Amino acid sequence: MELFIFSFGALFSIMNPLGTVPVFVGLTQNNNKKERALIAFWTSFNVLIILLLSFFAGKYILSFFGISLNSLKIAGGLIIASSGFALLTGKFTEHKGMKKTRVKDDIHTRSEISLTPLALPMLAGPGTISLLITYNQEYSNMTDCLVILGSVFTSAFTIYLILKSSHYIVRMLGASGINALSRIIGFIVISIGIELIVVAVLSILKMANF
């Protein structure tokens, strides 16, 4: 249970579906309730596929490019920490490559938004992918893998519920409420990123007999 809570909390914080709510609302403002629910479903489904591919195929990608786990942790930690800083400064959408003008253009030009920009890069970005690759390397026994997979499926389902209710969430919390929650989550995300870097650096020092 402790691993499930830890992994789910990390995934939820880094993906930050609440920060995606304003973008989802902007991209689906011309859709009816049923269409929004369908887009939310396919977005969460695409996120699930990306997360599963990252978890199961990540080690082969590392092996192919000759990347060590510690290097991945440091790179992933930097990406995750930068995402956290973006949340704290209110620049999450810009950090993900989604400017307001681009969102407005996407409303009229994209026929399918569930994959891009919602699943990629808004939700399942490089930080999330690197975290799952790290989990795959660190938790190799069957029980831990099943727990991680449970947190992945739960995260995807939570994304579906949040996006499906996004218009209601915006009306209930307002922009200021969402920004406040995003800043709190941002602090957690920064901590996760720094923790990955610290663990990697300590591992490197240990191997070097410092």
Protein backbone atom coordinates (compact mmCIF):
# COMPACT_ATOMS: atom_id res chain seq x y z
CA MET A 1 0.00 0.00 0.00
CA GLU A 2 2.87 2.36 0.80
CA LEU A 3 4.41 1.82 -2.65
CA PHE A 4 1.02 2.33 -4.31
CA ILE A 5 0.42 5.64 -2.52
CA PHE A 6 3.97 6.79 -3.25
CA SER A 7 3.89 5.90 -6.95
CA PHE A 8 0.35 7.17 -7.52
CA GLY A 9 1.13 10.43 -5.73
CA ALA A 10 4.26 10.93 -7.81
CA LEU A 11 2.50 10.18 -11.10
CA PHE A 12 -0.50 12.36 -10.27
CA SER A 13 1.70 15.28 -9.19
CA ILE A 14 3.97 15.16 -12.23
CA MET A 15 1.16 14.73 -14.77
CA ASN A 16 -0.92 17.36 -12.91
CA PRO A 17 -4.32 16.77 -14.58
CA LEU A 18 -5.73 19.77 -12.69
CA GLY A 19 -3.29 21.97 -14.57
CA THR A 20 -4.60 20.50 -17.82
CA VAL A 21 -8.22 21.35 -16.96
CA PRO A 22 -8.13 24.95 -18.34
CA VAL A 23 -6.57 23.70 -21.59
CA PHE A 24 -9.17 20.93 -21.88
CA VAL A 25 -11.97 23.42 -21.30
CA GLY A 26 -10.55 25.75 -23.93
CA LEU A 27 -10.19 22.99 -26.51
CA THR A 28 -13.66 21.53 -25.91
CA GLN A 29 -15.77 24.63 -25.38
CA ASN A 30 -17.65 23.97 -28.62
CA ASN A 31 -18.35 20.31 -27.78
CA ASN A 32 -21.38 18.97 -25.97
CA LYS A 33 -21.23 16.97 -22.73
CA LYS A 34 -21.17 13.58 -24.46
CA GLU A 35 -18.39 14.62 -26.82
CA ARG A 36 -16.32 16.01 -23.94
CA ALA A 37 -16.72 12.73 -22.04
CA LEU A 38 -15.53 10.82 -25.11
CA ILE A 39 -12.50 13.08 -25.53
CA ALA A 40 -11.71 12.65 -21.82
CA PHE A 41 -11.92 8.86 -22.21
CA TRP A 42 -9.59 8.72 -25.22
CA THR A 43 -7.16 11.13 -23.57
CA SER A 44 -6.91 8.93 -20.48
CA PHE A 45 -6.64 5.83 -22.69
CA ASN A 46 -3.78 7.37 -24.68
CA VAL A 47 -2.06 8.36 -21.44
CA LEU A 48 -2.43 4.79 -20.17
CA ILE A 49 -0.85 3.34 -23.33
CA ILE A 50 2.05 5.80 -23.15
CA LEU A 51 2.65 5.00 -19.47
CA LEU A 52 2.55 1.24 -20.06
CA LEU A 53 4.94 1.49 -23.00
CA SER A 54 7.29 3.62 -20.90
CA PHE A 55 7.21 1.16 -18.03
CA PHE A 56 7.73 -2.01 -20.06
CA ALA A 57 9.89 -0.78 -22.96
CA GLY A 58 11.93 1.82 -21.09
CA LYS A 59 14.74 -0.53 -20.06
CA TYR A 60 15.28 -1.58 -23.67
CA ILE A 61 15.53 2.07 -24.70
CA LEU A 62 18.14 2.64 -21.98
CA SER A 63 20.07 -0.42 -23.14
CA PHE A 64 19.90 0.58 -26.81
CA PHE A 65 21.29 4.08 -26.17
CA GLY A 66 23.68 2.95 -23.44
CA ILE A 67 22.15 5.21 -20.79
CA SER A 68 22.72 4.33 -17.14
CA LEU A 69 19.93 4.43 -14.59
CA ASN A 70 21.67 7.17 -12.60
CA SER A 71 21.96 9.34 -15.70
CA LEU A 72 18.26 8.84 -16.36
CA LYS A 73 17.43 9.78 -12.77
CA ILE A 74 19.42 13.00 -12.99
CA ALA A 75 17.96 13.95 -16.38
CA GLY A 76 14.45 12.99 -15.27
CA GLY A 77 14.90 14.82 -11.98
CA LEU A 78 15.90 18.00 -13.80
CA ILE A 79 12.87 17.75 -16.11
CA ILE A 80 10.51 17.03 -13.21
CA ALA A 81 11.93 19.86 -11.11
CA SER A 82 11.60 22.29 -14.02
CA SER A 83 7.95 21.25 -14.38
CA GLY A 84 7.48 21.99 -10.70
CA PHE A 85 8.99 25.44 -11.07
CA ALA A 86 6.66 26.04 -14.03
CA LEU A 87 3.69 25.15 -11.82
CA LEU A 88 4.89 27.46 -9.05
CA THR A 89 5.31 30.38 -11.44
CA GLY A 90 2.03 29.77 -13.26
CA LYS A 91 3.73 28.90 -16.56
CA PHE A 92 2.72 25.24 -16.79
CA THR A 93 1.10 25.45 -20.23
CA GLU A 94 4.03 27.41 -21.66
CA HIS A 95 6.43 24.87 -20.17
CA LYS A 96 4.49 22.10 -21.97
CA GLY A 97 4.65 24.02 -25.23
CA MET A 98 1.03 25.19 -25.17
CA LYS A 99 0.65 28.94 -25.55
CA LYS A 100 -2.76 30.60 -25.31
CA THR A 101 -2.75 31.54 -28.99
CA ARG A 102 -1.89 27.97 -29.91
CA VAL A 103 -4.76 26.66 -27.78
CA LYS A 104 -7.18 28.94 -29.62
CA ASP A 105 -5.85 27.76 -32.96
CA ASP A 106 -6.11 24.11 -31.93
CA ILE A 107 -9.82 24.53 -31.20
CA HIS A 108 -10.45 25.15 -34.89
CA THR A 109 -7.71 23.10 -36.56
CA ARG A 110 -7.44 19.83 -34.63
CA SER A 111 -9.94 17.08 -35.32
CA GLU A 112 -8.36 14.81 -32.68
CA ILE A 113 -6.94 16.42 -29.55
CA SER A 114 -6.97 13.43 -27.20
CA LEU A 115 -3.47 12.33 -28.25
CA THR A 116 -1.88 15.72 -28.88
CA PRO A 117 -1.77 18.09 -27.16
CA LEU A 118 -3.66 16.55 -24.21
CA ALA A 119 -1.98 13.15 -23.72
CA LEU A 120 1.30 14.37 -25.20
CA PRO A 121 2.84 16.61 -24.00
CA MET A 122 0.40 17.96 -21.40
CA LEU A 123 -0.03 14.82 -19.30
CA ALA A 124 2.43 12.06 -20.21
CA GLY A 125 5.52 14.17 -20.79
CA PRO A 126 9.25 13.38 -20.49
CA GLY A 127 9.19 13.68 -16.69
CA THR A 128 6.47 11.05 -16.33
CA ILE A 129 8.13 8.74 -18.84
CA SER A 130 11.54 8.94 -17.13
CA LEU A 131 9.93 8.30 -13.73
CA LEU A 132 8.28 5.10 -14.98
CA ILE A 133 11.49 3.88 -16.58
CA THR A 134 13.18 4.44 -13.22
CA TYR A 135 10.42 2.51 -11.43
CA ASN A 136 10.85 -0.39 -13.86
CA GLN A 137 14.54 -0.60 -13.02
CA GLU A 138 14.13 -0.20 -9.25
CA TYR A 139 11.09 -2.41 -8.65
CA SER A 140 11.77 -5.65 -10.49
CA ASN A 141 9.85 -8.26 -8.46
CA MET A 142 6.36 -9.27 -9.56
CA THR A 143 4.50 -7.86 -6.55
CA ASP A 144 6.06 -4.41 -6.86
CA CYS A 145 5.43 -4.39 -10.63
CA LEU A 146 1.75 -5.17 -10.07
CA VAL A 147 1.52 -2.36 -7.50
CA ILE A 148 3.12 0.12 -9.92
CA LEU A 149 0.78 -1.02 -12.68
CA GLY A 150 -2.14 -0.52 -10.31
CA SER A 151 -1.05 3.06 -9.69
CA VAL A 152 -0.70 3.59 -13.47
CA PHE A 153 -4.26 2.38 -14.13
CA THR A 154 -5.58 4.41 -11.20
CA SER A 155 -3.80 7.52 -12.49
CA ALA A 156 -5.33 7.08 -15.93
CA PHE A 157 -8.80 6.59 -14.45
CA THR A 158 -8.35 9.67 -12.26
CA ILE A 159 -7.39 11.69 -15.32
CA TYR A 160 -10.59 10.55 -17.03
CA LEU A 161 -12.73 11.61 -14.06
CA ILE A 162 -11.02 15.00 -13.76
CA LEU A 163 -11.19 15.83 -17.47
CA LYS A 164 -14.78 14.62 -17.72
CA SER A 165 -15.68 16.97 -14.86
CA SER A 166 -13.38 19.78 -16.04
CA HIS A 167 -16.11 22.29 -16.87
CA TYR A 168 -17.69 21.70 -13.45
CA ILE A 169 -14.28 22.00 -11.75
CA VAL A 170 -13.64 25.33 -13.45
CA ARG A 171 -17.02 26.66 -12.34
CA MET A 172 -16.52 25.40 -8.77
CA LEU A 173 -12.88 26.36 -8.16
CA GLY A 174 -12.38 29.11 -10.67
CA ALA A 175 -9.04 30.06 -12.19
CA SER A 176 -7.62 31.22 -8.85
CA GLY A 177 -8.49 27.93 -7.12
CA ILE A 178 -6.89 25.84 -9.86
CA ASN A 179 -3.78 28.04 -9.79
CA ALA A 180 -3.51 27.67 -6.01
CA LEU A 181 -3.73 23.87 -6.21
CA SER A 182 -1.22 23.81 -9.06
CA ARG A 183 1.28 25.77 -6.99
CA ILE A 184 0.92 23.34 -4.08
CA ILE A 185 1.41 20.42 -6.47
CA GLY A 186 4.37 22.27 -7.99
CA PHE A 187 6.18 22.24 -4.66
CA ILE A 188 5.66 18.47 -4.41
CA VAL A 189 6.86 17.96 -7.99
CA ILE A 190 10.06 19.92 -7.31
CA SER A 191 10.70 17.75 -4.25
CA ILE A 192 10.24 14.57 -6.33
CA GLY A 193 12.68 15.84 -8.97
CA ILE A 194 15.32 16.81 -6.39
CA GLU A 195 14.90 13.45 -4.63
CA LEU A 196 15.66 11.61 -7.88
CA ILE A 197 18.79 13.71 -8.42
CA VAL A 198 20.00 13.26 -4.83
CA VAL A 199 19.51 9.47 -4.95
CA ALA A 200 21.42 9.27 -8.24
CA VAL A 201 24.29 11.42 -7.00
CA LEU A 202 24.60 9.41 -3.76
CA SER A 203 24.63 6.19 -5.81
CA ILE A 204 27.40 7.54 -8.04
CA LEU A 205 29.46 8.64 -5.02
CA LYS A 206 28.97 5.24 -3.40
CA MET A 207 30.17 3.42 -6.52
CA ALA A 208 33.18 5.74 -6.65
CA ASN A 209 33.94 4.85 -2.99
CA PHE A 210 33.65 8.43 -1.74
